[in-house]
């Protein structure tokens, strides 16, 4: 039946054209946005995943910024520690120079004071964006550098951080830092025996006269110390006879020096008691005499039994308090040696702190590289879910445009078909 009220062909052609137009709009949207899934209605599951991961990627971008700030702060601390290490080495060298006879210790102290001031300047300047880990009195001992974010199976977001213990890095911290805290150096003394020099002179009358003993420091291999006529001559004695405690002290100092033993002080008190003292543990063994003259171990202030030094106290000071102008008369050498050990201990702690911060630097570098690669991976993953294939979409666009033209033509033909009925009424 032919009807002018219901044009089935036109209705079919219109529906087809509307479908083509809808598909064409979708394709044009994908081409213009670059997304296959740009709204939740396109694919709710993929859109939800993509939205969450894009948000996480933005958060990771903030993590990258945090790592950058953290890296700069750590670099500032490392630069300060490295500079402090060099200055401490300079102070140690100046103190070593001060141990030499004839050196103006006041002038040396002026140089050391300048270096001490430089250490304070380094500590105060090693900061970034207001963060100074080397000159810090905060109660907080741990600093955190945001380094990662993670999402568990339940969808909960977690933030990870690199913890840095700055307590061991502080150079100055209200008398608790490496350079302003008191460092204790143990002192050791070995009471050897009583000399009889004051009542009976000791005469190395024969060329074969010799007294010998061994000294071991810090458990190292023992060194043999020998006293002969040559030792007395090198010690400045006028002949082969030791006539006083001062002569005996000079002879022992010369003998220890000839044996290559440093850091042992010789003293003889008012009761003629001979003792060695040092900032290192030591042991005196195998005291014996040989030769024609009747020189005994006891007459030289030694004992036949082995003597192990015992800790008698500590020498305490800080690097910032080192002052060669306050040396105790008669103990200058021992105190300078103690200063050297204090600086050496501080140098060891600074080196350890620099190594620790170097490990943090390495971890930050690794984390920065990892986060950068992770962001790329997430972007690729999101793209595979929601990005449009432009090659495919351009091909589809051409096909749909052709279909649209054909649909318009078909609809036009269907609408014109009823016009043929007019000829029946002519």
Protein backbone atom coordinates (compact mmCIF):
# COMPACT_ATOMS: atom_id res chain seq x y z
CA UNK A 1 0.00 0.00 0.00
CA UNK A 2 1.27 3.42 -0.91
CA UNK A 3 0.57 6.10 1.74
CA UNK A 4 1.27 9.78 1.88
CA UNK A 5 0.87 9.79 5.70
CA UNK A 6 3.55 7.25 6.45
CA UNK A 7 6.74 7.31 4.37
CA UNK A 8 8.50 4.21 5.63
CA UNK A 9 11.46 4.61 3.29
CA UNK A 10 12.06 8.17 4.46
CA UNK A 11 11.79 7.13 8.11
CA UNK A 12 14.33 4.34 7.55
CA UNK A 13 16.67 6.67 5.65
CA UNK A 14 16.35 9.28 8.43
CA UNK A 15 17.18 6.78 11.20
CA UNK A 16 20.18 5.59 9.23
CA UNK A 17 21.37 9.16 8.69
CA UNK A 18 20.91 10.01 12.37
CA UNK A 19 23.00 6.96 13.34
CA UNK A 20 25.70 7.97 10.89
CA UNK A 21 25.67 11.55 12.23
CA UNK A 22 26.00 10.27 15.81
CA UNK A 23 28.98 8.08 14.90
CA UNK A 24 30.49 10.97 12.99
CA UNK A 25 30.17 13.24 16.03
CA UNK A 26 31.90 10.61 18.19
CA UNK A 27 34.72 10.27 15.68
CA UNK A 28 35.16 14.02 15.34
CA UNK A 29 35.23 14.32 19.15
CA UNK A 30 37.98 11.68 19.37
CA UNK A 31 39.99 13.44 16.69
CA UNK A 32 39.60 16.87 18.29
CA UNK A 33 40.37 15.68 21.88
CA UNK A 34 42.73 12.83 21.05
CA UNK A 35 40.86 10.62 23.52
CA UNK A 36 38.88 7.47 22.85
CA UNK A 37 37.48 7.76 26.39
CA UNK A 38 37.14 11.42 27.36
CA UNK A 39 34.06 11.20 29.58
CA UNK A 40 32.66 8.66 32.00
CA UNK A 41 29.84 7.77 29.57
CA UNK A 42 32.40 6.66 27.01
CA UNK A 43 33.69 3.85 29.25
CA UNK A 44 33.09 4.25 32.99
CA UNK A 45 35.74 1.74 34.11
CA UNK A 46 38.55 3.09 31.90
CA UNK A 47 37.61 6.70 32.63
CA UNK A 48 37.76 6.05 36.40
CA UNK A 49 41.16 4.34 36.18
CA UNK A 50 42.56 7.06 33.92
CA UNK A 51 41.29 9.86 36.17
CA UNK A 52 42.83 8.28 39.27
CA UNK A 53 46.16 7.59 37.60
CA UNK A 54 46.34 11.12 36.15
CA UNK A 55 45.82 12.46 39.66
CA UNK A 56 48.57 10.19 40.98
CA UNK A 57 50.87 11.36 38.22
CA UNK A 58 50.30 14.96 39.24
CA UNK A 59 51.16 13.97 42.81
CA UNK A 60 54.34 12.29 41.55
CA UNK A 61 55.22 15.53 39.80
CA UNK A 62 55.10 17.16 43.25
CA UNK A 63 57.32 14.33 44.54
CA UNK A 64 59.87 15.19 41.85
CA UNK A 65 59.85 18.80 43.06
CA UNK A 66 60.28 17.64 46.67
CA UNK A 67 63.19 15.43 45.69
CA UNK A 68 64.76 18.38 43.89
CA UNK A 69 64.51 20.57 46.99
CA UNK A 70 65.77 17.71 49.16
CA UNK A 71 68.70 17.08 46.83
CA UNK A 72 69.70 20.75 46.98
CA UNK A 73 69.52 20.75 50.79
CA UNK A 74 71.58 17.57 51.02
CA UNK A 75 74.11 18.95 48.53
CA UNK A 76 74.48 22.09 50.66
CA UNK A 77 75.13 19.96 53.76
CA UNK A 78 77.65 17.78 51.92
CA UNK A 79 79.46 20.83 50.53
CA UNK A 80 79.74 22.23 54.06
CA UNK A 81 81.03 18.96 55.52
CA UNK A 82 83.55 18.56 52.73
CA UNK A 83 84.83 22.12 53.28
CA UNK A 84 84.97 21.55 57.06
CA UNK A 85 87.01 18.41 56.48
CA UNK A 86 89.62 20.39 54.54
CA UNK A 87 89.80 23.12 57.20
CA UNK A 88 90.22 20.55 59.99
CA UNK A 89 93.11 19.04 58.05
CA UNK A 90 94.67 22.52 57.94
CA UNK A 91 94.26 22.92 61.71
CA UNK A 92 95.84 19.52 62.25
CA UNK A 93 98.80 20.55 60.09
CA UNK A 94 99.20 23.83 62.05
CA UNK A 95 99.19 21.94 65.35
CA UNK A 96 101.80 19.53 64.02
CA UNK A 97 103.95 22.54 63.12
CA UNK A 98 103.53 23.86 66.67
CA UNK A 99 105.17 20.73 68.10
CA UNK A 100 108.52 21.78 66.63
CA UNK A 101 111.00 23.61 68.83
CA UNK A 102 111.48 27.29 68.09
CA UNK A 103 108.08 27.77 66.48
CA UNK A 104 106.17 30.87 67.60
CA UNK A 105 103.05 29.22 69.01
CA UNK A 106 101.29 32.58 69.27
CA UNK A 107 101.56 33.09 65.52
CA UNK A 108 100.40 29.55 64.89
CA UNK A 109 97.39 30.18 67.14
CA UNK A 110 96.47 33.25 65.07
CA UNK A 111 96.28 31.00 62.01
CA UNK A 112 94.29 28.39 63.92
CA UNK A 113 91.86 31.06 65.17
CA UNK A 114 91.24 32.17 61.60
CA UNK A 115 90.55 28.57 60.63
CA UNK A 116 88.21 28.11 63.60
CA UNK A 117 86.27 31.18 62.45
CA UNK A 118 86.15 29.74 58.94
CA UNK A 119 84.61 26.54 60.29
CA UNK A 120 81.83 28.59 61.91
CA UNK A 121 81.25 30.49 58.66
CA UNK A 122 81.02 27.23 56.72
CA UNK A 123 78.53 25.82 59.19
CA UNK A 124 76.33 28.94 59.13
CA UNK A 125 76.40 29.21 55.32
CA UNK A 126 75.62 25.60 54.37
CA UNK A 127 71.88 26.15 53.93
CA UNK A 128 69.25 25.97 51.21
CA UNK A 129 65.84 27.59 51.37
CA UNK A 130 66.25 28.21 55.09
CA UNK A 131 67.25 24.63 55.84
CA UNK A 132 70.64 24.34 57.59
CA UNK A 133 71.49 20.89 58.86
CA UNK A 134 75.05 21.71 60.02
CA UNK A 135 74.24 24.55 62.41
CA UNK A 136 71.04 23.46 64.04
CA UNK A 137 69.71 23.41 67.61
CA UNK A 138 66.20 22.11 66.88
CA UNK A 139 64.95 19.25 69.00
CA UNK A 140 64.09 17.44 65.78
CA UNK A 141 66.89 15.08 64.83
CA UNK A 142 65.31 13.57 61.72
CA UNK A 143 64.44 15.41 58.52
CA UNK A 144 62.21 13.88 55.86
CA UNK A 145 62.36 14.23 52.10
CA UNK A 146 59.11 13.19 50.37
CA UNK A 147 60.24 10.58 47.85
CA UNK A 148 57.26 8.53 46.65
CA UNK A 149 53.53 7.88 46.65
CA UNK A 150 51.86 4.49 46.51
CA UNK A 151 48.33 3.14 46.30
CA UNK A 152 47.40 -0.19 47.89
CA UNK A 153 44.82 -2.73 46.75
CA UNK A 154 42.10 -0.95 48.74
CA UNK A 155 42.83 2.30 46.90
CA UNK A 156 44.39 4.06 49.90
CA UNK A 157 47.17 6.48 49.03
CA UNK A 158 50.43 6.44 50.99
CA UNK A 159 53.33 8.91 50.98
CA UNK A 160 56.89 7.64 51.40
CA UNK A 161 59.88 9.66 52.59
CA UNK A 162 63.66 9.41 52.91
CA UNK A 163 64.63 9.93 56.56
CA UNK A 164 67.88 11.81 57.24
CA UNK A 165 69.33 11.79 60.75
CA UNK A 166 70.90 15.23 61.04
CA UNK A 167 72.00 14.76 64.65
CA UNK A 168 75.28 13.23 63.49
CA UNK A 169 75.75 15.95 60.84
CA UNK A 170 75.63 19.00 63.09
CA UNK A 171 78.91 20.88 63.33
CA UNK A 172 77.60 23.39 65.88
CA UNK A 173 74.62 22.68 68.10
CA UNK A 174 74.78 24.33 71.53
CA UNK A 175 77.93 22.43 72.60
CA UNK A 176 76.57 19.19 71.11
CA UNK A 177 77.90 19.46 67.56
CA UNK A 178 81.04 17.84 66.19
CA UNK A 179 83.09 21.03 66.51
CA UNK A 180 81.68 22.58 69.70
CA UNK A 181 81.21 19.49 71.84
CA UNK A 182 83.83 18.31 74.31
CA UNK A 183 85.94 15.43 73.03
CA UNK A 184 87.65 13.28 75.65
CA UNK A 185 91.12 11.91 74.93
CA UNK A 186 92.30 9.16 77.27
CA UNK A 187 95.70 9.57 78.94
CA UNK A 188 97.87 6.58 79.88
CA UNK A 189 100.73 6.37 82.34
CA UNK A 190 103.19 3.65 83.20
CA UNK A 191 104.98 4.02 86.55
CA UNK A 192 108.27 2.26 85.87
CA UNK A 193 110.34 2.49 89.05
CA UNK A 194 112.61 4.71 91.11
CA UNK A 195 115.94 5.94 89.82
CA UNK A 196 118.98 6.33 92.09
CA UNK A 197 120.65 9.05 90.08
CA UNK A 198 120.55 11.63 92.83
CA UNK A 199 122.73 9.56 95.17
CA UNK A 200 124.82 7.56 92.74
CA UNK A 201 125.84 8.65 89.25
CA UNK A 202 125.35 6.20 86.39
CA UNK A 203 128.46 5.84 84.28
CA UNK A 204 128.48 4.22 80.82
CA UNK A 205 132.25 3.98 81.11
CA UNK A 206 132.76 1.18 78.60
CA UNK A 207 131.82 1.18 74.93
CA UNK A 208 129.87 -2.08 75.32
CA UNK A 209 127.65 -0.78 78.12
CA UNK A 210 124.02 -0.89 77.08
CA UNK A 211 120.55 -0.97 78.57
CA UNK A 212 117.62 -1.99 76.39
CA UNK A 213 113.87 -2.46 76.63
CA UNK A 214 110.93 -2.67 74.22
CA UNK A 215 107.87 -0.45 73.88
CA UNK A 216 104.61 -1.49 72.22
CA UNK A 217 102.00 1.18 71.47
CA UNK A 218 98.32 0.37 70.93
CA UNK A 219 99.11 -3.31 70.63
CA UNK A 220 101.42 -2.76 67.64
CA UNK A 221 104.69 -4.60 67.19
CA UNK A 222 107.20 -3.74 69.91
CA UNK A 223 110.17 -1.49 69.16
CA UNK A 224 113.50 -1.89 70.88
CA UNK A 225 114.89 1.09 72.77
CA UNK A 226 118.66 1.09 73.47
CA UNK A 227 120.77 3.42 75.61
CA UNK A 228 124.52 3.49 74.94
CA UNK A 229 127.39 5.96 75.05
CA UNK A 230 126.17 7.30 71.69
CA UNK A 231 122.73 7.97 73.17
CA UNK A 232 124.25 10.01 76.00
CA UNK A 233 126.27 12.06 73.52
CA UNK A 234 123.22 12.72 71.33
CA UNK A 235 121.26 13.78 74.44
CA UNK A 236 123.83 16.53 75.07
CA UNK A 237 125.65 15.06 78.06
CA UNK A 238 129.24 16.26 78.46
CA UNK A 239 130.60 12.76 79.07
CA UNK A 240 129.45 9.18 79.68
CA UNK A 241 127.97 9.86 83.11
CA UNK A 242 124.33 10.51 84.02
CA UNK A 243 124.47 12.76 87.09
CA UNK A 244 120.91 14.04 87.55
CA UNK A 245 117.27 13.35 86.89
CA UNK A 246 117.42 15.99 84.17
CA UNK A 247 120.23 14.04 82.48
CA UNK A 248 118.28 10.80 82.80
CA UNK A 249 115.11 12.39 81.34
CA UNK A 250 117.09 13.76 78.38
CA UNK A 251 118.68 10.36 77.75
CA UNK A 252 115.34 8.54 77.76
CA UNK A 253 113.78 11.12 75.43
CA UNK A 254 116.73 10.70 73.05
CA UNK A 255 116.54 6.90 73.19
CA UNK A 256 112.80 6.88 72.46
CA UNK A 257 113.33 9.29 69.57
CA UNK A 258 116.17 7.13 68.16
CA UNK A 259 113.80 4.13 68.26
CA UNK A 260 111.17 6.05 66.26
CA UNK A 261 108.70 6.15 69.14
CA UNK A 262 106.55 9.29 69.27
CA UNK A 263 103.97 10.53 71.74
CA UNK A 264 105.53 9.20 74.96
CA UNK A 265 106.45 11.79 77.59
CA UNK A 266 109.17 11.08 80.16
CA UNK A 267 108.91 12.41 83.70
CA UNK A 268 110.82 11.93 86.96
CA UNK A 269 109.13 13.29 90.08
CA UNK A 270 110.56 14.59 93.34
CA UNK A 271 110.83 11.05 94.72
CA UNK A 272 112.96 9.98 91.72
CA UNK A 273 110.09 7.88 90.32
CA UNK A 274 110.38 7.42 86.55
CA UNK A 275 107.19 7.28 84.50
CA UNK A 276 106.15 7.34 80.88
CA UNK A 277 102.87 8.94 79.83
CA UNK A 278 101.06 8.99 76.50
CA UNK A 279 97.73 9.58 74.84
CA UNK A 280 97.94 5.99 73.56
CA UNK A 281 98.08 2.77 75.52
CA UNK A 282 101.54 1.24 75.71
CA UNK A 283 103.59 -1.50 77.34
CA UNK A 284 107.25 -1.57 78.44
CA UNK A 285 108.91 -5.00 78.42
CA UNK A 286 112.23 -6.87 78.48
CA UNK A 287 114.33 -4.34 80.40
CA UNK A 288 117.92 -5.65 80.58
CA UNK A 289 121.52 -4.43 80.75
CA UNK A 290 124.74 -5.70 79.20
CA UNK A 291 128.35 -4.54 79.22
CA UNK A 292 131.39 -4.33 81.44
CA UNK A 293 130.15 -1.60 83.77
CA UNK A 294 127.83 -2.51 86.63
CA UNK A 295 124.80 -0.61 85.36
CA UNK A 296 121.56 -2.08 86.67
CA UNK A 297 117.98 -1.89 85.48
CA UNK A 298 116.94 -0.40 88.83
CA UNK A 299 119.58 2.32 88.71
CA UNK A 300 118.03 3.51 85.43
CA UNK A 301 114.61 3.72 87.07
CA UNK A 302 113.24 0.63 85.35
CA UNK A 303 111.90 -2.61 86.80
CA UNK A 304 112.63 -6.12 85.62
CA UNK A 305 108.92 -6.95 85.32
CA UNK A 306 106.90 -5.82 82.35
CA UNK A 307 104.89 -2.63 82.83
CA UNK A 308 101.53 -1.98 81.20
CA UNK A 309 100.31 1.62 81.17
CA UNK A 310 96.97 2.29 82.78
CA UNK A 311 94.42 4.98 81.97
CA UNK A 312 94.90 7.80 84.44
CA UNK A 313 92.41 10.35 83.17
CA UNK A 314 91.27 12.26 80.13
CA UNK A 315 92.21 15.40 78.28
CA UNK A 316 89.00 17.18 77.29
CA UNK A 317 88.38 20.06 74.90
CA UNK A 318 86.52 20.92 71.72
CA UNK A 319 87.86 22.01 68.35
CA UNK A 320 86.53 25.54 68.82
CA UNK A 321 88.29 25.81 72.21
CA UNK A 322 91.78 24.86 71.02
CA UNK A 323 94.16 27.61 72.15
CA UNK A 324 97.94 27.34 72.08
CA UNK A 325 98.17 30.46 74.27
CA UNK A 326 96.84 28.52 77.27
CA UNK A 327 99.34 25.64 77.26
CA UNK A 328 100.58 24.55 80.68
CA UNK A 329 104.28 25.19 81.17
CA UNK A 330 106.25 21.97 80.96
CA UNK A 331 103.36 20.10 79.34
CA UNK A 332 103.24 21.94 76.02
CA UNK A 333 104.17 18.96 73.89
CA UNK A 334 101.67 16.61 75.54
CA UNK A 335 98.84 19.14 75.28
CA UNK A 336 99.53 19.88 71.61
CA UNK A 337 99.53 16.15 70.94
CA UNK A 338 96.18 15.98 72.73
CA UNK A 339 94.89 18.84 70.56
CA UNK A 340 95.97 16.92 67.47
CA UNK A 341 94.05 13.86 68.63
CA UNK A 342 90.97 16.01 69.33
CA UNK A 343 91.10 17.43 65.80
CA UNK A 344 91.73 13.96 64.38
CA UNK A 345 88.67 12.61 66.19
CA UNK A 346 86.55 15.53 64.91
CA UNK A 347 87.94 14.93 61.41
CA UNK A 348 86.92 11.29 61.65
CA UNK A 349 83.38 12.25 62.69
CA UNK A 350 83.07 14.81 59.88
CA UNK A 351 84.29 12.23 57.37
CA UNK A 352 81.72 9.73 58.66
CA UNK A 353 78.98 12.38 58.43
CA UNK A 354 80.00 13.25 54.85
CA UNK A 355 79.92 9.56 53.90
CA UNK A 356 76.45 9.27 55.43
CA UNK A 357 75.11 12.28 53.54
CA UNK A 358 76.77 10.95 50.37
CA UNK A 359 74.68 7.79 50.71
CA UNK A 360 71.55 9.97 50.96
CA UNK A 361 72.62 11.85 47.82
CA UNK A 362 72.93 8.58 45.96
CA UNK A 363 69.51 7.40 47.13
CA UNK A 364 67.88 10.68 46.05
CA UNK A 365 69.47 10.39 42.60
CA UNK A 366 68.19 6.84 42.23
CA UNK A 367 64.71 7.83 43.42
CA UNK A 368 64.55 10.79 41.03
CA UNK A 369 65.41 8.51 38.13
CA UNK A 370 62.86 5.91 39.29
CA UNK A 371 60.01 8.42 39.75
CA UNK A 372 60.68 9.93 36.32
CA UNK A 373 60.50 6.52 34.66
CA UNK A 374 57.43 5.60 36.71
CA UNK A 375 55.61 8.75 35.57
CA UNK A 376 56.36 7.83 31.96
CA UNK A 377 55.09 4.30 32.54
CA UNK A 378 51.86 5.54 34.13
CA UNK A 379 51.31 7.98 31.26
CA UNK A 380 51.80 5.19 28.75
CA UNK A 381 49.40 2.95 30.66
CA UNK A 382 46.70 5.62 30.79
CA UNK A 383 47.23 6.36 27.12
CA UNK A 384 46.69 2.74 26.16
CA UNK A 385 43.32 2.87 27.95
CA UNK A 386 41.87 6.15 26.77
CA UNK A 387 43.88 7.57 23.85
CA UNK A 388 42.37 7.46 20.38
CA UNK A 389 44.15 5.74 17.49
CA UNK A 390 44.35 8.70 15.12
CA UNK A 391 45.09 6.55 12.07
CA UNK A 392 42.00 4.45 12.74
CA UNK A 393 39.84 7.46 13.56
CA UNK A 394 40.86 9.35 10.40
CA UNK A 395 39.93 6.31 8.29
CA UNK A 396 36.62 6.01 10.11
CA UNK A 397 35.97 9.73 9.58
CA UNK A 398 36.34 9.39 5.81
CA UNK A 399 34.02 6.39 5.75
CA UNK A 400 31.38 8.11 7.89
CA UNK A 401 31.50 11.27 5.81
CA UNK A 402 30.86 9.17 2.72
CA UNK A 403 28.04 7.33 4.51
CA UNK A 404 26.60 10.67 5.58
CA UNK A 405 26.51 11.90 1.98
CA UNK A 406 24.86 8.68 0.86
CA UNK A 407 22.36 8.88 3.73
CA UNK A 408 21.40 12.42 2.77
CA UNK A 409 20.96 11.28 -0.82
CA UNK A 410 18.86 8.28 0.26
CA UNK A 411 16.66 10.47 2.47
CA UNK A 412 16.21 12.91 -0.40
CA UNK A 413 15.14 10.08 -2.73
CA UNK A 414 12.75 8.69 -0.12
CA UNK A 415 11.17 12.12 0.43
CA UNK A 416 10.77 12.64 -3.33
CA UNK A 417 9.08 9.27 -3.90
CA UNK A 418 5.68 10.63 -2.78
CA UNK A 419 5.88 13.33 -5.43
CA UNK A 420 5.29 10.63 -8.08
CA UNK A 421 1.72 10.16 -6.74
CA UNK A 422 0.73 13.59 -8.12
CA UNK A 423 0.93 12.24 -11.66
CA UNK A 424 -1.96 9.87 -10.88
CA UNK A 425 -4.27 12.85 -10.28
CA UNK A 426 -3.53 14.71 -13.49
